[in-house]
Amino acid sequence: MSQSEFAAYVAIDWADRKHYWQLTDSGHQHREHGALLNTPESVDIWATGLLARFPSGSIAVCLEQSRGPLAYQLGKYERLVLFPVHPATMASFRQAFFPSGSKGDPSDAGLLLELLLHHRQRLRRLDPDSVETRLLHMLIELRRKLVDERTRQSNRLTAWLKMYFPQALDWIDNIDSPLGCDFLERWPTLQQLQRAHAETIERFFREHNSRSQARIDERVKAIRQAVPAVQDTALLQAGAAASTSLVALLKALNGALTSVDQQIAAFHKGKTRVPSLVLGLSRSTGFGGRSRRARPPGGRCSTGSASRASYTSRATRRQEGRLSGRSAPSAARRHTAVAVWAHG
């Protein structure tokens, strides 16, 4: 589409509260400028008026974002053709005109309009993918953010446990798994755990798919022989409160991840065509499995009462992982296939 085919050219510099815009018609005879509030109603009134003013032809709109509230709001108007500008490009262009580096919303709208009028051939028109592809992309991005948030909360929980209950990190392979969350929700301190009957502890691990009796026995023995890391009542109470709160957050995040995974898997069952670009996302999020996170310096604390390696056989860990949140290799491959499957 050539420049003359656009009925008008608009540039919008978006902000949290107010958007500044500049406009010129196809003849570039004069420019107009103004501002509108950052509300769906204000954007709709402005866009509707713009389309009514130029009833024929498309309108080119330049803005400094390809995804975000404003881009999504303007995307519903068929005759508005969006040309997003990368922030780095805009920063370089601004530096050329304003060496001081000063930034202002009205002036930025003018710079965006200059880019649209004189360098449009270097801008990439935003052509949205299909609804299914965009939904899948958003779900995978949401999953990545949920995984990152779970990692953040898990690291906070690990830091607290190292201070007052380090043995839990040896007895539970993944403290943010359903097994780990249920364990700490029931026994947030070593003192509470040691008051429980051995039969109760054994039943807990069996209910969480721990099939190795030898491993259960070693855990129970280690629990009986464990020595409290601290006797500070204040730290114990604060640690228990922190663990209980963080476990609640982790359980909510695990539930949200399960829901998102089910929605993503629905694409595979429906044989919806999806682009292979999601391969990068699946690799970065450990799609279908757990995110990779760096272990804090010093690693996990050891109680000295039982070697972790003595009861962490590979087969047992895989079996227990089916309910504790750890995914077997086949499951990871299956979910990755969902992400990268593009041709049915």
Protein backbone atom coordinates (compact mmCIF):
# COMPACT_ATOMS: atom_id res chain seq x y z
CA MET A 1 0.00 0.00 0.00
CA SER A 2 1.48 3.32 -1.08
CA GLN A 3 1.37 6.48 0.99
CA SER A 4 -1.35 8.02 -1.19
CA GLU A 5 -3.65 5.13 -0.38
CA PHE A 6 -3.89 6.21 3.25
CA ALA A 7 -6.59 8.72 3.94
CA ALA A 8 -4.72 10.07 6.99
CA TYR A 9 -1.64 9.52 9.11
CA VAL A 10 -1.79 9.50 12.90
CA ALA A 11 0.86 9.13 15.58
CA ILE A 12 0.02 8.43 19.21
CA ASP A 13 2.39 8.61 22.16
CA TRP A 14 0.68 6.55 24.81
CA ALA A 15 0.91 7.03 28.56
CA ASP A 16 -0.75 5.68 31.67
CA ARG A 17 -3.22 8.54 32.04
CA LYS A 18 -3.32 10.49 28.79
CA HIS A 19 -2.38 9.83 25.15
CA TYR A 20 -1.01 12.59 22.91
CA TRP A 21 -1.64 12.41 19.18
CA GLN A 22 -0.76 14.22 15.97
CA LEU A 23 -2.55 13.87 12.65
CA THR A 24 -2.18 14.91 9.04
CA ASP A 25 -4.27 14.09 5.99
CA SER A 26 -3.06 12.44 2.80
CA GLY A 27 -2.01 15.77 1.32
CA HIS A 28 0.13 16.69 4.35
CA GLN A 29 -1.29 20.21 4.15
CA HIS A 30 -1.53 20.80 7.88
CA ARG A 31 -1.12 19.00 11.17
CA GLU A 32 -3.44 18.69 14.12
CA HIS A 33 -2.66 17.60 17.63
CA GLY A 34 -4.52 16.79 20.78
CA ALA A 35 -4.82 14.46 23.73
CA LEU A 36 -7.27 11.88 25.00
CA LEU A 37 -7.71 10.12 28.30
CA ASN A 38 -6.45 6.58 28.67
CA THR A 39 -9.88 4.97 29.00
CA PRO A 40 -11.65 2.58 26.61
CA GLU A 41 -14.49 5.07 26.25
CA SER A 42 -12.22 7.97 25.29
CA VAL A 43 -10.26 5.85 22.82
CA ASP A 44 -13.49 4.59 21.25
CA ILE A 45 -14.92 8.11 20.85
CA TRP A 46 -11.65 9.34 19.32
CA ALA A 47 -11.26 6.39 16.93
CA THR A 48 -14.91 6.46 15.88
CA GLY A 49 -14.70 10.19 15.16
CA LEU A 50 -11.49 9.68 13.18
CA LEU A 51 -13.09 7.00 11.00
CA ALA A 52 -16.17 9.14 10.45
CA ARG A 53 -14.00 12.08 9.41
CA PHE A 54 -12.15 9.93 6.85
CA PRO A 55 -14.90 7.56 5.65
CA SER A 56 -12.95 6.09 2.75
CA GLY A 57 -9.57 4.43 2.75
CA SER A 58 -7.39 3.18 5.58
CA ILE A 59 -5.74 5.30 8.24
CA ALA A 60 -2.12 4.67 9.19
CA VAL A 61 -1.47 4.80 12.94
CA CYS A 62 2.03 4.83 14.41
CA LEU A 63 2.61 4.04 18.08
CA GLU A 64 5.48 2.95 20.28
CA GLN A 65 4.19 -0.50 21.17
CA SER A 66 3.17 -3.66 19.35
CA ARG A 67 1.36 -5.20 22.30
CA GLY A 68 -0.34 -3.44 25.10
CA PRO A 69 -3.66 -1.82 26.05
CA LEU A 70 -3.69 0.84 23.35
CA ALA A 71 -2.57 -1.50 20.55
CA TYR A 72 -5.26 -4.00 21.49
CA GLN A 73 -7.93 -1.29 21.74
CA LEU A 74 -7.09 0.14 18.31
CA GLY A 75 -6.80 -3.32 16.77
CA LYS A 76 -10.57 -3.78 16.76
CA TYR A 77 -11.04 -1.05 14.13
CA GLU A 78 -10.63 -2.64 10.72
CA ARG A 79 -9.57 0.48 8.81
CA LEU A 80 -6.87 1.47 11.30
CA VAL A 81 -3.53 0.09 10.10
CA LEU A 82 -1.05 -0.03 12.96
CA PHE A 83 2.68 0.54 12.54
CA PRO A 84 4.43 -0.21 15.85
CA VAL A 85 7.83 1.36 16.54
CA HIS A 86 10.40 -0.37 18.74
CA PRO A 87 11.34 1.71 21.81
CA ALA A 88 15.03 1.50 20.86
CA THR A 89 14.27 2.93 17.42
CA MET A 90 12.27 5.73 18.95
CA ALA A 91 15.05 6.47 21.45
CA SER A 92 17.64 6.77 18.66
CA PHE A 93 15.36 8.99 16.59
CA ARG A 94 14.70 11.19 19.62
CA GLN A 95 18.42 11.45 20.31
CA ALA A 96 19.01 12.69 16.76
CA PHE A 97 16.51 15.53 17.12
CA PHE A 98 17.01 16.26 20.81
CA PRO A 99 20.66 15.58 21.78
CA SER A 100 19.88 16.53 25.36
CA GLY A 101 17.77 13.38 25.60
CA SER A 102 14.72 15.26 26.81
CA LYS A 103 11.48 13.34 26.41
CA GLY A 104 7.98 14.75 26.18
CA ASP A 105 4.73 13.13 25.13
CA PRO A 106 3.63 15.87 22.68
CA SER A 107 7.06 16.06 21.03
CA ASP A 108 7.29 12.26 20.86
CA ALA A 109 3.99 12.17 19.00
CA GLY A 110 5.52 14.53 16.43
CA LEU A 111 8.58 12.32 16.06
CA LEU A 112 6.40 9.27 15.56
CA LEU A 113 4.52 11.08 12.84
CA GLU A 114 7.82 11.97 11.13
CA LEU A 115 8.79 8.30 11.20
CA LEU A 116 5.45 7.34 9.73
CA LEU A 117 5.56 9.91 6.94
CA HIS A 118 9.19 9.69 5.87
CA HIS A 119 10.41 6.27 6.97
CA ARG A 120 7.30 4.15 6.72
CA GLN A 121 9.07 1.72 4.39
CA ARG A 122 11.29 0.78 7.33
CA LEU A 123 8.36 0.19 9.64
CA ARG A 124 6.62 -3.13 9.88
CA ARG A 125 2.87 -3.20 9.56
CA LEU A 126 1.14 -5.04 12.39
CA ASP A 127 -0.84 -7.90 10.89
CA PRO A 128 -2.39 -9.89 13.74
CA ASP A 129 -2.28 -13.68 13.58
CA SER A 130 -5.39 -15.79 13.81
CA VAL A 131 -7.40 -15.77 17.02
CA GLU A 132 -6.19 -19.28 17.88
CA THR A 133 -2.53 -18.42 17.38
CA ARG A 134 -2.74 -15.21 19.39
CA LEU A 135 -4.56 -17.02 22.19
CA LEU A 136 -1.92 -19.74 22.29
CA HIS A 137 0.87 -17.17 22.34
CA MET A 138 -0.79 -15.28 25.20
CA LEU A 139 -1.36 -18.48 27.18
CA ILE A 140 2.28 -19.52 26.81
CA GLU A 141 3.43 -16.05 27.84
CA LEU A 142 1.09 -16.20 30.84
CA ARG A 143 2.50 -19.60 31.74
CA ARG A 144 6.04 -18.26 31.60
CA LYS A 145 5.13 -15.43 33.97
CA LEU A 146 3.41 -17.85 36.35
CA VAL A 147 6.47 -20.11 36.35
CA ASP A 148 8.72 -17.13 37.05
CA GLU A 149 6.48 -16.03 39.90
CA ARG A 150 6.44 -19.54 41.37
CA THR A 151 10.24 -19.62 41.21
CA ARG A 152 10.40 -16.27 42.98
CA GLN A 153 8.08 -17.39 45.78
CA SER A 154 9.83 -20.76 46.04
CA ASN A 155 13.17 -19.03 46.55
CA ARG A 156 11.66 -16.89 49.29
CA LEU A 157 10.30 -20.00 50.99
CA THR A 158 13.68 -21.73 50.68
CA ALA A 159 15.39 -18.76 52.31
CA TRP A 160 13.03 -18.93 55.30
CA LEU A 161 13.41 -22.68 55.67
CA LYS A 162 17.19 -22.42 55.70
CA MET A 163 16.90 -20.18 58.73
CA TYR A 164 14.59 -22.27 60.92
CA PHE A 165 13.72 -25.63 59.27
CA PRO A 166 16.51 -26.64 56.82
CA GLN A 167 15.77 -30.38 57.09
CA ALA A 168 12.60 -29.96 55.04
CA LEU A 169 14.72 -29.13 52.00
CA ASP A 170 16.41 -32.54 52.27
CA TRP A 171 13.24 -34.53 52.84
CA ILE A 172 11.30 -32.91 50.00
CA ASP A 173 12.82 -32.85 46.51
CA ASN A 174 10.85 -29.83 45.28
CA ILE A 175 9.56 -27.60 48.00
CA ASP A 176 7.13 -25.84 45.64
CA SER A 177 5.54 -29.08 44.44
CA PRO A 178 2.12 -30.25 45.72
CA LEU A 179 3.98 -32.67 48.00
CA GLY A 180 6.16 -29.91 49.44
CA CYS A 181 3.28 -27.48 49.87
CA ASP A 182 1.07 -30.03 51.61
CA PHE A 183 3.98 -31.09 53.83
CA LEU A 184 4.69 -27.55 55.06
CA GLU A 185 1.02 -26.67 55.31
CA ARG A 186 0.57 -29.56 57.73
CA TRP A 187 3.90 -29.32 59.57
CA PRO A 188 5.44 -25.84 59.19
CA THR A 189 8.06 -26.52 61.91
CA LEU A 190 10.23 -29.46 62.91
CA GLN A 191 8.72 -29.44 66.39
CA GLN A 192 5.22 -29.95 65.01
CA LEU A 193 6.45 -32.67 62.66
CA GLN A 194 8.18 -34.61 65.43
CA ARG A 195 4.99 -34.65 67.49
CA ALA A 196 3.20 -36.54 64.72
CA HIS A 197 2.92 -40.32 64.88
CA ALA A 198 5.11 -42.35 62.55
CA GLU A 199 2.01 -43.95 61.03
CA THR A 200 0.64 -40.50 60.22
CA ILE A 201 3.84 -39.47 58.45
CA GLU A 202 4.00 -42.73 56.52
CA ARG A 203 0.40 -42.40 55.43
CA PHE A 204 1.06 -38.83 54.27
CA PHE A 205 3.88 -39.88 51.94
CA ARG A 206 1.94 -42.86 50.59
CA GLU A 207 -1.02 -40.61 49.83
CA HIS A 208 1.37 -38.41 47.83
CA ASN A 209 2.44 -41.35 45.67
CA SER A 210 5.64 -42.28 47.49
CA ARG A 211 5.81 -46.02 46.77
CA SER A 212 9.20 -46.89 48.22
CA GLN A 213 8.78 -48.17 51.77
CA ALA A 214 12.54 -48.02 52.28
CA ARG A 215 12.56 -44.34 51.43
CA ILE A 216 9.60 -43.65 53.70
CA ASP A 217 11.33 -45.50 56.57
CA GLU A 218 14.51 -43.47 56.07
CA ARG A 219 12.52 -40.25 56.08
CA VAL A 220 10.72 -41.18 59.29
CA LYS A 221 14.02 -42.19 60.91
CA ALA A 222 15.64 -38.91 59.85
CA ILE A 223 12.70 -36.97 61.25
CA ARG A 224 13.01 -38.71 64.63
CA GLN A 225 16.75 -38.05 64.79
CA ALA A 226 16.61 -34.45 63.57
CA VAL A 227 17.74 -31.64 65.87
CA PRO A 228 16.05 -28.21 65.71
CA ALA A 229 18.23 -25.70 63.90
CA VAL A 230 17.17 -22.87 66.23
CA GLN A 231 15.41 -22.39 69.53
CA ASP A 232 14.49 -18.75 68.99
CA THR A 233 10.73 -18.59 69.56
CA ALA A 234 10.36 -15.39 67.56
CA LEU A 235 12.13 -16.87 64.54
CA LEU A 236 10.14 -20.10 64.76
CA GLN A 237 6.82 -18.27 64.88
CA ALA A 238 7.79 -15.84 62.11
CA GLY A 239 9.16 -18.68 59.98
CA ALA A 240 5.99 -20.73 60.39
CA ALA A 241 3.86 -17.71 59.48
CA ALA A 242 6.00 -16.95 56.43
CA SER A 243 5.97 -20.57 55.27
CA THR A 244 2.21 -20.83 55.65
CA SER A 245 1.69 -17.65 53.65
CA LEU A 246 4.14 -18.60 50.90
CA VAL A 247 2.73 -22.12 50.64
CA ALA A 248 -0.73 -20.63 50.05
CA LEU A 249 0.70 -18.53 47.22
CA LEU A 250 2.51 -21.51 45.71
CA LYS A 251 -0.59 -23.68 45.81
CA ALA A 252 -2.56 -20.96 44.02
CA LEU A 253 0.18 -20.65 41.38
CA ASN A 254 0.29 -24.43 40.91
CA GLY A 255 -3.46 -24.45 40.38
CA ALA A 256 -3.23 -21.61 37.88
CA LEU A 257 -0.45 -23.40 35.98
CA THR A 258 -2.52 -26.57 35.81
CA SER A 259 -5.43 -24.62 34.35
CA VAL A 260 -3.24 -22.91 31.75
CA ASP A 261 -1.58 -26.20 30.80
CA GLN A 262 -4.99 -27.75 30.22
CA GLN A 263 -5.99 -24.90 27.92
CA ILE A 264 -2.74 -25.20 25.96
CA ALA A 265 -3.17 -28.97 25.67
CA ALA A 266 -6.64 -28.38 24.23
CA PHE A 267 -4.98 -26.99 21.09
CA HIS A 268 -3.26 -30.31 20.57
CA LYS A 269 -6.45 -32.28 21.04
CA GLY A 270 -8.29 -29.99 18.63
CA LYS A 271 -5.39 -30.24 16.13
CA THR A 272 -5.24 -26.47 15.84
CA ARG A 273 -2.40 -25.26 13.63
CA VAL A 274 0.13 -23.27 15.62
CA PRO A 275 3.37 -21.59 14.53
CA SER A 276 6.73 -23.06 15.42
CA LEU A 277 7.82 -19.74 16.96
CA VAL A 278 6.50 -20.99 20.30
CA LEU A 279 9.46 -23.37 20.41
CA GLY A 280 11.55 -20.61 21.98
CA LEU A 281 8.90 -20.02 24.61
CA SER A 282 8.63 -23.71 25.41
CA ARG A 283 12.38 -23.97 25.89
CA SER A 284 12.56 -20.91 28.12
CA THR A 285 9.74 -22.06 30.39
CA GLY A 286 10.50 -25.75 30.58
CA PHE A 287 7.17 -26.36 28.88
CA GLY A 288 5.34 -29.27 30.42
CA GLY A 289 7.89 -29.52 33.21
CA ARG A 290 9.46 -27.22 35.75
CA SER A 291 11.49 -24.08 35.26
CA ARG A 292 15.23 -24.27 35.70
CA ARG A 293 16.42 -22.07 38.51
CA ALA A 294 19.84 -21.49 39.90
CA ARG A 295 20.37 -23.06 43.27
CA PRO A 296 21.31 -20.49 45.94
CA PRO A 297 24.97 -20.39 46.96
CA GLY A 298 25.81 -23.14 49.37
CA GLY A 299 23.10 -25.46 48.12
CA ARG A 300 20.60 -27.04 50.42
CA CYS A 301 21.39 -27.52 54.06
CA SER A 302 22.09 -31.04 55.22
CA THR A 303 20.92 -32.50 58.52
CA GLY A 304 23.66 -35.07 58.67
CA SER A 305 21.13 -37.59 59.88
CA ALA A 306 20.47 -39.22 56.54
CA SER A 307 22.16 -38.91 53.19
CA ARG A 308 19.82 -37.52 50.62
CA ALA A 309 21.31 -39.77 47.98
CA SER A 310 20.42 -42.86 50.03
CA TYR A 311 16.73 -42.52 49.31
CA THR A 312 16.52 -40.61 46.04
CA SER A 313 16.60 -43.38 43.50
CA ARG A 314 15.75 -42.29 40.01
CA ALA A 315 12.79 -44.63 39.62
CA THR A 316 11.27 -43.58 42.93
CA ARG A 317 11.66 -39.87 42.13
CA ARG A 318 9.95 -40.36 38.78
CA GLN A 319 7.06 -42.24 40.38
CA GLU A 320 6.64 -39.70 43.16
CA GLY A 321 6.90 -36.83 40.70
CA ARG A 322 3.63 -37.78 39.02
CA LEU A 323 1.73 -36.22 41.89
CA SER A 324 4.33 -33.88 43.32
CA GLY A 325 4.64 -31.69 40.25
CA ARG A 326 7.71 -33.24 38.60
CA SER A 327 7.13 -34.32 35.00
CA ALA A 328 8.58 -37.42 33.48
CA PRO A 329 10.65 -37.00 30.30
CA SER A 330 7.86 -38.43 28.17
CA ALA A 331 5.45 -35.82 29.52
CA ALA A 332 7.90 -33.04 28.74
CA ARG A 333 8.29 -34.30 25.20
CA ARG A 334 4.54 -34.58 24.82
CA HIS A 335 3.93 -30.99 25.95
CA THR A 336 6.79 -29.70 23.81
CA ALA A 337 5.18 -31.40 20.85
CA VAL A 338 2.01 -29.46 21.59
CA ALA A 339 3.96 -26.20 21.51
CA VAL A 340 5.85 -26.77 18.29
CA TRP A 341 3.31 -28.77 16.33
CA ALA A 342 2.45 -26.72 13.28
CA HIS A 343 1.30 -28.98 10.52
CA GLY A 344 -1.01 -31.54 12.12
